[in-house]
Amino acid sequence: MARQAMNCLTGCAQNNSSERNAPEPSQTQIGNPKEEQTHKNMTKISVLYPNHKGARFDVRYYLDRHVPRSIELLSSHPGFKGVSVDRGAAGAEPGTDAPYVIMCHFLFDSLEDFLAAFTPHATTLQGDVPNYTDIQPLIQISDVLLSRTPQAVV
């Protein structure tokens, strides 16, 4: 991630987190109240690499070296819940390019947990960025409101 993004993340963390995580009055509960989910909300940190003509992005290096190193460093924090990486395949209109080359999504219990995991390793991870891209990533912090995946049948 870029240093500017970290400044934004640090500033976001200093906001009143209880206000940020409090449900809005207009929110409604989804599903059967008797089957309420027992997990608390999570925070998703998305690192989005815009698809610019002529930009360089080494997907192999990113997947084989940068992402495994990121997982190694960040997953040692107990608030780490997972990571996914998506490659843009196409845009909404037939024949158009995807708006993003790569999107990486980290899941943590909270923004504060992400910052606690990331900050000690920021120099290492940010210093590796020129090895795989010249694209300035966009960072988005999201509150995960609903996440559902089917359970694997064994």
N, C-alpha and C. Protein backbone atom coordinates (compact mmCIF):
# COMPACT_ATOMS: atom_id res chain seq x y z
N MET A 1 0.83 -1.18 0.00
CA MET A 1 0.00 0.00 0.00
C MET A 1 0.87 1.24 0.00
N ALA A 2 0.34 2.29 -0.49
CA ALA A 2 1.08 3.53 -0.57
C ALA A 2 1.09 4.23 0.80
N ARG A 3 2.13 5.03 1.01
CA ARG A 3 2.25 5.75 2.28
C ARG A 3 1.06 6.68 2.49
N GLN A 4 0.57 7.31 1.41
CA GLN A 4 -0.59 8.19 1.54
C GLN A 4 -1.79 7.41 2.06
N ALA A 5 -1.95 6.19 1.59
CA ALA A 5 -3.08 5.38 2.05
C ALA A 5 -2.95 5.09 3.53
N MET A 6 -1.73 4.82 4.01
CA MET A 6 -1.54 4.55 5.43
C MET A 6 -1.90 5.77 6.25
N ASN A 7 -1.55 6.97 5.75
CA ASN A 7 -1.94 8.18 6.47
C ASN A 7 -3.45 8.25 6.59
N CYS A 8 -4.15 7.89 5.52
CA CYS A 8 -5.61 7.86 5.56
C CYS A 8 -6.10 6.83 6.55
N LEU A 9 -5.50 5.64 6.52
CA LEU A 9 -5.91 4.58 7.44
C LEU A 9 -5.69 5.00 8.88
N THR A 10 -4.55 5.62 9.16
CA THR A 10 -4.26 6.06 10.51
C THR A 10 -5.28 7.11 10.95
N GLY A 11 -5.60 8.03 10.05
CA GLY A 11 -6.60 9.05 10.38
C GLY A 11 -7.96 8.44 10.63
N CYS A 12 -8.33 7.44 9.82
CA CYS A 12 -9.62 6.77 10.00
C CYS A 12 -9.69 6.08 11.35
N ALA A 13 -8.58 5.50 11.78
CA ALA A 13 -8.56 4.77 13.05
C ALA A 13 -8.73 5.70 14.23
N GLN A 14 -8.35 6.97 14.04
CA GLN A 14 -8.46 7.91 15.14
C GLN A 14 -9.87 8.43 15.30
N ASN A 15 -10.74 8.18 14.32
CA ASN A 15 -12.14 8.57 14.45
C ASN A 15 -12.77 7.72 15.54
N ASN A 16 -13.89 8.16 16.05
CA ASN A 16 -14.57 7.40 17.09
C ASN A 16 -15.08 6.10 16.49
N SER A 17 -14.40 5.01 16.81
CA SER A 17 -14.75 3.72 16.21
C SER A 17 -16.10 3.22 16.68
N SER A 18 -16.55 3.61 17.86
CA SER A 18 -17.86 3.15 18.32
C SER A 18 -18.97 3.77 17.47
N GLU A 19 -18.77 5.01 17.02
CA GLU A 19 -19.75 5.63 16.14
C GLU A 19 -19.75 4.95 14.78
N ARG A 20 -18.56 4.61 14.27
CA ARG A 20 -18.44 4.00 12.96
C ARG A 20 -19.09 2.62 12.94
N ASN A 21 -18.98 1.88 14.03
CA ASN A 21 -19.50 0.52 14.07
C ASN A 21 -20.94 0.44 14.56
N ALA A 22 -21.48 1.55 15.05
CA ALA A 22 -22.85 1.52 15.55
C ALA A 22 -23.82 1.38 14.39
N PRO A 23 -24.85 0.52 14.53
CA PRO A 23 -25.81 0.38 13.45
C PRO A 23 -26.61 1.66 13.26
N GLU A 24 -26.89 1.97 12.02
CA GLU A 24 -27.70 3.14 11.73
C GLU A 24 -29.17 2.81 12.00
N PRO A 25 -29.95 3.82 12.42
CA PRO A 25 -31.35 3.56 12.73
C PRO A 25 -32.13 2.98 11.55
N SER A 26 -31.70 3.27 10.32
CA SER A 26 -32.44 2.79 9.15
C SER A 26 -32.11 1.34 8.81
N GLN A 27 -31.09 0.75 9.46
CA GLN A 27 -30.72 -0.62 9.15
C GLN A 27 -31.76 -1.58 9.72
N THR A 28 -32.01 -2.63 8.99
CA THR A 28 -32.92 -3.65 9.48
C THR A 28 -32.19 -4.97 9.55
N GLN A 29 -32.65 -5.82 10.41
CA GLN A 29 -32.04 -7.13 10.56
C GLN A 29 -32.53 -8.04 9.45
N ILE A 30 -31.60 -8.81 8.88
CA ILE A 30 -31.94 -9.73 7.80
C ILE A 30 -31.97 -11.13 8.36
N GLY A 31 -32.95 -11.88 7.96
CA GLY A 31 -33.02 -13.28 8.37
C GLY A 31 -33.90 -13.49 9.58
N ASN A 32 -33.98 -14.72 10.00
CA ASN A 32 -34.79 -15.12 11.13
C ASN A 32 -34.09 -14.75 12.42
N PRO A 33 -34.73 -13.96 13.32
CA PRO A 33 -34.09 -13.56 14.57
C PRO A 33 -33.65 -14.75 15.42
N LYS A 34 -34.35 -15.88 15.28
CA LYS A 34 -33.98 -17.07 16.06
C LYS A 34 -32.68 -17.69 15.55
N GLU A 35 -32.29 -17.34 14.31
CA GLU A 35 -31.07 -17.87 13.72
C GLU A 35 -30.03 -16.77 13.54
N GLU A 36 -29.97 -15.85 14.51
CA GLU A 36 -29.03 -14.75 14.40
C GLU A 36 -27.61 -15.28 14.29
N GLN A 37 -26.84 -14.62 13.46
CA GLN A 37 -25.44 -15.00 13.35
C GLN A 37 -24.72 -14.60 14.63
N THR A 38 -23.80 -15.44 15.08
CA THR A 38 -23.11 -15.16 16.32
C THR A 38 -21.80 -14.41 16.11
N HIS A 39 -21.34 -14.26 14.86
CA HIS A 39 -20.08 -13.54 14.64
C HIS A 39 -20.34 -12.04 14.62
N LYS A 40 -19.31 -11.29 15.04
CA LYS A 40 -19.43 -9.84 14.98
C LYS A 40 -19.05 -9.36 13.59
N ASN A 41 -19.41 -8.13 13.28
CA ASN A 41 -19.07 -7.57 11.97
C ASN A 41 -17.56 -7.55 11.79
N MET A 42 -17.16 -7.64 10.55
CA MET A 42 -15.74 -7.58 10.21
C MET A 42 -15.47 -6.33 9.39
N THR A 43 -14.20 -6.00 9.25
CA THR A 43 -13.75 -4.89 8.44
C THR A 43 -12.96 -5.45 7.27
N LYS A 44 -13.25 -4.94 6.08
CA LYS A 44 -12.52 -5.34 4.88
C LYS A 44 -11.66 -4.17 4.42
N ILE A 45 -10.39 -4.45 4.21
CA ILE A 45 -9.47 -3.47 3.66
C ILE A 45 -9.19 -3.91 2.23
N SER A 46 -9.63 -3.13 1.28
CA SER A 46 -9.48 -3.46 -0.13
C SER A 46 -8.38 -2.60 -0.75
N VAL A 47 -7.45 -3.27 -1.43
CA VAL A 47 -6.37 -2.59 -2.14
C VAL A 47 -6.66 -2.82 -3.62
N LEU A 48 -7.03 -1.75 -4.31
CA LEU A 48 -7.50 -1.83 -5.69
C LEU A 48 -6.48 -1.20 -6.62
N TYR A 49 -6.05 -1.95 -7.62
CA TYR A 49 -5.06 -1.46 -8.58
C TYR A 49 -5.78 -1.14 -9.88
N PRO A 50 -6.00 0.17 -10.17
CA PRO A 50 -6.71 0.57 -11.40
C PRO A 50 -6.00 0.07 -12.66
N ASN A 51 -6.80 -0.25 -13.66
CA ASN A 51 -6.30 -0.77 -14.93
C ASN A 51 -6.00 0.39 -15.86
N HIS A 52 -4.76 0.84 -15.84
CA HIS A 52 -4.33 1.95 -16.70
C HIS A 52 -3.55 1.41 -17.89
N LYS A 53 -3.85 1.92 -19.07
CA LYS A 53 -3.10 1.54 -20.28
C LYS A 53 -1.61 1.83 -20.06
N GLY A 54 -0.77 0.87 -20.38
CA GLY A 54 0.67 1.04 -20.27
C GLY A 54 1.24 0.84 -18.88
N ALA A 55 0.39 0.60 -17.89
CA ALA A 55 0.88 0.38 -16.53
C ALA A 55 1.49 -1.02 -16.42
N ARG A 56 2.38 -1.18 -15.46
CA ARG A 56 3.05 -2.46 -15.25
C ARG A 56 2.50 -3.12 -13.99
N PHE A 57 2.13 -4.39 -14.11
CA PHE A 57 1.71 -5.18 -12.95
C PHE A 57 2.15 -6.62 -13.18
N ASP A 58 3.10 -7.08 -12.36
CA ASP A 58 3.64 -8.43 -12.46
C ASP A 58 2.80 -9.35 -11.55
N VAL A 59 1.81 -9.99 -12.14
CA VAL A 59 0.87 -10.83 -11.38
C VAL A 59 1.61 -12.01 -10.73
N ARG A 60 2.53 -12.63 -11.44
CA ARG A 60 3.28 -13.77 -10.88
C ARG A 60 4.03 -13.37 -9.62
N TYR A 61 4.77 -12.26 -9.68
CA TYR A 61 5.51 -11.79 -8.51
C TYR A 61 4.54 -11.50 -7.35
N TYR A 62 3.46 -10.84 -7.68
CA TYR A 62 2.47 -10.46 -6.67
C TYR A 62 1.92 -11.70 -5.96
N LEU A 63 1.52 -12.70 -6.76
CA LEU A 63 0.91 -13.91 -6.17
C LEU A 63 1.93 -14.85 -5.54
N ASP A 64 3.14 -14.91 -6.11
CA ASP A 64 4.14 -15.86 -5.61
C ASP A 64 4.99 -15.30 -4.47
N ARG A 65 5.13 -13.97 -4.40
CA ARG A 65 6.03 -13.41 -3.39
C ARG A 65 5.37 -12.40 -2.47
N HIS A 66 4.71 -11.37 -3.05
CA HIS A 66 4.18 -10.29 -2.21
C HIS A 66 3.01 -10.75 -1.33
N VAL A 67 2.04 -11.39 -1.93
CA VAL A 67 0.86 -11.80 -1.15
C VAL A 67 1.23 -12.84 -0.08
N PRO A 68 2.02 -13.87 -0.40
CA PRO A 68 2.40 -14.81 0.67
C PRO A 68 3.14 -14.12 1.82
N ARG A 69 4.01 -13.15 1.48
CA ARG A 69 4.72 -12.41 2.54
C ARG A 69 3.74 -11.58 3.36
N SER A 70 2.78 -10.95 2.70
CA SER A 70 1.75 -10.17 3.41
C SER A 70 0.97 -11.07 4.36
N ILE A 71 0.58 -12.23 3.88
CA ILE A 71 -0.19 -13.17 4.72
C ILE A 71 0.66 -13.61 5.90
N GLU A 72 1.91 -13.94 5.64
CA GLU A 72 2.81 -14.37 6.72
C GLU A 72 2.89 -13.31 7.82
N LEU A 73 3.04 -12.06 7.42
CA LEU A 73 3.21 -10.98 8.41
C LEU A 73 1.91 -10.59 9.09
N LEU A 74 0.83 -10.49 8.33
CA LEU A 74 -0.43 -10.00 8.90
C LEU A 74 -1.24 -11.06 9.63
N SER A 75 -1.12 -12.32 9.21
CA SER A 75 -1.95 -13.37 9.80
C SER A 75 -1.52 -13.75 11.22
N SER A 76 -0.36 -13.26 11.65
CA SER A 76 0.04 -13.55 13.03
C SER A 76 -0.78 -12.75 14.04
N HIS A 77 -1.50 -11.74 13.58
CA HIS A 77 -2.37 -10.96 14.46
C HIS A 77 -3.69 -11.71 14.66
N PRO A 78 -4.18 -11.81 15.90
CA PRO A 78 -5.43 -12.57 16.13
C PRO A 78 -6.67 -12.00 15.45
N GLY A 79 -6.63 -10.72 15.04
CA GLY A 79 -7.78 -10.12 14.36
C GLY A 79 -7.85 -10.45 12.88
N PHE A 80 -6.81 -11.08 12.34
CA PHE A 80 -6.79 -11.45 10.92
C PHE A 80 -7.79 -12.58 10.68
N LYS A 81 -8.64 -12.41 9.66
CA LYS A 81 -9.66 -13.42 9.36
C LYS A 81 -9.51 -14.02 7.97
N GLY A 82 -8.80 -13.36 7.07
CA GLY A 82 -8.63 -13.93 5.75
C GLY A 82 -8.22 -12.91 4.72
N VAL A 83 -7.95 -13.42 3.52
CA VAL A 83 -7.55 -12.57 2.41
C VAL A 83 -8.03 -13.22 1.13
N SER A 84 -8.35 -12.42 0.14
CA SER A 84 -8.66 -12.93 -1.19
C SER A 84 -8.07 -11.97 -2.21
N VAL A 85 -7.71 -12.52 -3.36
CA VAL A 85 -7.17 -11.71 -4.45
C VAL A 85 -7.99 -12.03 -5.69
N ASP A 86 -8.46 -10.98 -6.36
CA ASP A 86 -9.24 -11.11 -7.58
C ASP A 86 -8.49 -10.45 -8.72
N ARG A 87 -8.51 -11.07 -9.90
CA ARG A 87 -7.96 -10.43 -11.10
C ARG A 87 -9.14 -9.98 -11.95
N GLY A 88 -9.11 -8.73 -12.38
CA GLY A 88 -10.17 -8.21 -13.24
C GLY A 88 -10.20 -8.96 -14.56
N ALA A 89 -11.38 -9.43 -14.95
CA ALA A 89 -11.52 -10.20 -16.19
C ALA A 89 -12.12 -9.36 -17.32
N ALA A 90 -13.08 -8.52 -16.99
CA ALA A 90 -13.75 -7.72 -18.02
C ALA A 90 -14.55 -6.61 -17.34
N GLY A 91 -14.91 -5.63 -18.15
CA GLY A 91 -15.77 -4.56 -17.68
C GLY A 91 -17.24 -4.94 -17.82
N ALA A 92 -18.12 -4.06 -17.46
CA ALA A 92 -19.56 -4.33 -17.50
C ALA A 92 -20.08 -4.46 -18.93
N GLU A 93 -19.50 -3.70 -19.83
CA GLU A 93 -19.91 -3.76 -21.23
C GLU A 93 -19.07 -4.79 -21.98
N PRO A 94 -19.68 -5.56 -22.88
CA PRO A 94 -18.91 -6.55 -23.64
C PRO A 94 -17.72 -5.91 -24.35
N GLY A 95 -16.58 -6.57 -24.25
CA GLY A 95 -15.38 -6.10 -24.93
C GLY A 95 -14.61 -5.01 -24.22
N THR A 96 -15.06 -4.60 -23.02
CA THR A 96 -14.33 -3.55 -22.30
C THR A 96 -13.41 -4.19 -21.26
N ASP A 97 -12.35 -3.45 -20.94
CA ASP A 97 -11.40 -3.91 -19.93
C ASP A 97 -12.00 -3.76 -18.53
N ALA A 98 -11.53 -4.61 -17.62
CA ALA A 98 -11.92 -4.49 -16.21
C ALA A 98 -11.38 -3.18 -15.65
N PRO A 99 -12.11 -2.54 -14.76
CA PRO A 99 -11.62 -1.28 -14.18
C PRO A 99 -10.40 -1.47 -13.29
N TYR A 100 -10.21 -2.68 -12.75
CA TYR A 100 -9.07 -2.95 -11.88
C TYR A 100 -8.32 -4.18 -12.38
N VAL A 101 -6.99 -4.10 -12.37
CA VAL A 101 -6.16 -5.23 -12.75
C VAL A 101 -6.24 -6.29 -11.67
N ILE A 102 -6.04 -5.87 -10.43
CA ILE A 102 -6.03 -6.76 -9.28
C ILE A 102 -6.75 -6.05 -8.13
N MET A 103 -7.46 -6.84 -7.34
CA MET A 103 -8.08 -6.36 -6.11
C MET A 103 -7.72 -7.33 -5.00
N CYS A 104 -7.17 -6.81 -3.93
CA CYS A 104 -6.83 -7.64 -2.78
C CYS A 104 -7.69 -7.19 -1.61
N HIS A 105 -8.29 -8.15 -0.92
CA HIS A 105 -9.21 -7.84 0.18
C HIS A 105 -8.75 -8.57 1.44
N PHE A 106 -8.40 -7.80 2.45
CA PHE A 106 -8.03 -8.37 3.75
C PHE A 106 -9.23 -8.25 4.68
N LEU A 107 -9.51 -9.30 5.43
CA LEU A 107 -10.57 -9.28 6.43
C LEU A 107 -9.96 -9.30 7.82
N PHE A 108 -10.41 -8.36 8.64
CA PHE A 108 -9.97 -8.27 10.03
C PHE A 108 -11.20 -8.03 10.90
N ASP A 109 -11.05 -8.30 12.19
CA ASP A 109 -12.14 -8.03 13.12
C ASP A 109 -12.48 -6.54 13.15
N SER A 110 -11.47 -5.69 13.00
CA SER A 110 -11.70 -4.25 13.05
C SER A 110 -10.57 -3.53 12.30
N LEU A 111 -10.78 -2.26 12.02
CA LEU A 111 -9.74 -1.45 11.41
C LEU A 111 -8.55 -1.34 12.36
N GLU A 112 -8.83 -1.23 13.63
CA GLU A 112 -7.76 -1.14 14.62
C GLU A 112 -6.89 -2.40 14.60
N ASP A 113 -7.52 -3.57 14.43
CA ASP A 113 -6.75 -4.82 14.32
C ASP A 113 -5.88 -4.82 13.07
N PHE A 114 -6.42 -4.34 11.95
CA PHE A 114 -5.62 -4.26 10.73
C PHE A 114 -4.42 -3.36 10.95
N LEU A 115 -4.64 -2.18 11.52
CA LEU A 115 -3.54 -1.24 11.73
C LEU A 115 -2.49 -1.82 12.67
N ALA A 116 -2.93 -2.53 13.70
CA ALA A 116 -1.98 -3.15 14.63
C ALA A 116 -1.15 -4.23 13.92
N ALA A 117 -1.75 -4.94 12.98
CA ALA A 117 -1.03 -5.97 12.23
C ALA A 117 -0.14 -5.36 11.16
N PHE A 118 -0.63 -4.33 10.48
CA PHE A 118 0.06 -3.76 9.32
C PHE A 118 1.20 -2.81 9.69
N THR A 119 0.97 -1.94 10.64
CA THR A 119 1.91 -0.86 10.94
C THR A 119 3.34 -1.34 11.20
N PRO A 120 3.57 -2.40 11.98
CA PRO A 120 4.96 -2.82 12.20
C PRO A 120 5.65 -3.31 10.92
N HIS A 121 4.88 -3.67 9.90
CA HIS A 121 5.44 -4.22 8.66
C HIS A 121 5.23 -3.30 7.46
N ALA A 122 4.76 -2.09 7.70
CA ALA A 122 4.42 -1.17 6.61
C ALA A 122 5.62 -0.90 5.70
N THR A 123 6.78 -0.65 6.28
CA THR A 123 7.96 -0.34 5.47
C THR A 123 8.32 -1.52 4.57
N THR A 124 8.29 -2.72 5.11
CA THR A 124 8.61 -3.92 4.33
C THR A 124 7.63 -4.12 3.19
N LEU A 125 6.33 -4.06 3.49
CA LEU A 125 5.31 -4.33 2.47
C LEU A 125 5.24 -3.21 1.44
N GLN A 126 5.30 -1.97 1.89
CA GLN A 126 5.26 -0.85 0.95
C GLN A 126 6.53 -0.80 0.10
N GLY A 127 7.66 -1.19 0.68
CA GLY A 127 8.91 -1.19 -0.05
C GLY A 127 8.95 -2.21 -1.17
N ASP A 128 8.10 -3.23 -1.09
CA ASP A 128 8.06 -4.28 -2.10
C ASP A 128 7.20 -3.89 -3.31
N VAL A 129 6.35 -2.90 -3.18
CA VAL A 129 5.42 -2.53 -4.24
C VAL A 129 6.12 -2.26 -5.58
N PRO A 130 7.23 -1.51 -5.64
CA PRO A 130 7.88 -1.27 -6.95
C PRO A 130 8.37 -2.54 -7.64
N ASN A 131 8.49 -3.63 -6.90
CA ASN A 131 8.92 -4.89 -7.51
C ASN A 131 7.84 -5.52 -8.39
N TYR A 132 6.58 -5.11 -8.21
CA TYR A 132 5.52 -5.72 -9.02
C TYR A 132 4.64 -4.74 -9.76
N THR A 133 4.66 -3.45 -9.41
CA THR A 133 3.79 -2.52 -10.13
C THR A 133 4.27 -1.08 -10.06
N ASP A 134 3.80 -0.29 -11.01
CA ASP A 134 4.00 1.16 -10.97
C ASP A 134 2.65 1.86 -10.78
N ILE A 135 1.63 1.09 -10.44
CA ILE A 135 0.28 1.63 -10.25
C ILE A 135 0.11 2.09 -8.80
N GLN A 136 -0.45 3.27 -8.62
CA GLN A 136 -0.81 3.78 -7.30
C GLN A 136 -2.15 3.14 -6.90
N PRO A 137 -2.17 2.29 -5.87
CA PRO A 137 -3.43 1.62 -5.53
C PRO A 137 -4.42 2.56 -4.84
N LEU A 138 -5.68 2.20 -4.96
CA LEU A 138 -6.75 2.86 -4.20
C LEU A 138 -7.04 1.97 -3.00
N ILE A 139 -7.31 2.58 -1.87
CA ILE A 139 -7.60 1.83 -0.65
C ILE A 139 -9.03 2.13 -0.24
N GLN A 140 -9.78 1.09 0.08
CA GLN A 140 -11.13 1.27 0.61
C GLN A 140 -11.29 0.46 1.88
N ILE A 141 -11.85 1.10 2.90
CA ILE A 141 -12.18 0.43 4.15
C ILE A 141 -13.68 0.21 4.14
N SER A 142 -14.10 -1.04 4.38
CA SER A 142 -15.54 -1.35 4.35
C SER A 142 -15.93 -2.11 5.60
N ASP A 143 -17.14 -1.85 6.06
CA ASP A 143 -17.75 -2.67 7.10
C ASP A 143 -18.49 -3.80 6.39
N VAL A 144 -18.16 -5.03 6.70
CA VAL A 144 -18.83 -6.17 6.08
C VAL A 144 -20.17 -6.35 6.77
N LEU A 145 -21.23 -6.15 6.02
CA LEU A 145 -22.58 -6.28 6.58
C LEU A 145 -23.15 -7.68 6.40
N LEU A 146 -22.76 -8.34 5.33
CA LEU A 146 -23.26 -9.69 5.06
C LEU A 146 -22.19 -10.44 4.29
N SER A 147 -21.90 -11.63 4.73
CA SER A 147 -20.95 -12.49 4.05
C SER A 147 -21.42 -13.93 4.24
N ARG A 148 -21.61 -14.61 3.14
CA ARG A 148 -22.12 -15.98 3.24
C ARG A 148 -21.44 -16.82 2.17
N THR A 149 -20.90 -17.94 2.58
CA THR A 149 -20.34 -18.90 1.64
C THR A 149 -20.88 -20.26 2.01
N PRO A 150 -21.17 -21.07 1.01
CA PRO A 150 -21.68 -22.41 1.33
C PRO A 150 -20.59 -23.23 2.00
N GLN A 151 -21.00 -24.04 2.94
CA GLN A 151 -20.04 -24.91 3.63
C GLN A 151 -19.71 -26.10 2.73
N ALA A 152 -18.47 -26.50 2.77
CA ALA A 152 -18.02 -27.64 1.97
C ALA A 152 -18.63 -28.93 2.52
N VAL A 153 -19.02 -29.78 1.62
CA VAL A 153 -19.56 -31.09 2.01
C VAL A 153 -18.41 -32.08 1.98
N VAL A 154 -18.21 -32.76 3.08
CA VAL A 154 -17.10 -33.73 3.16
C VAL A 154 -17.60 -35.14 3.01
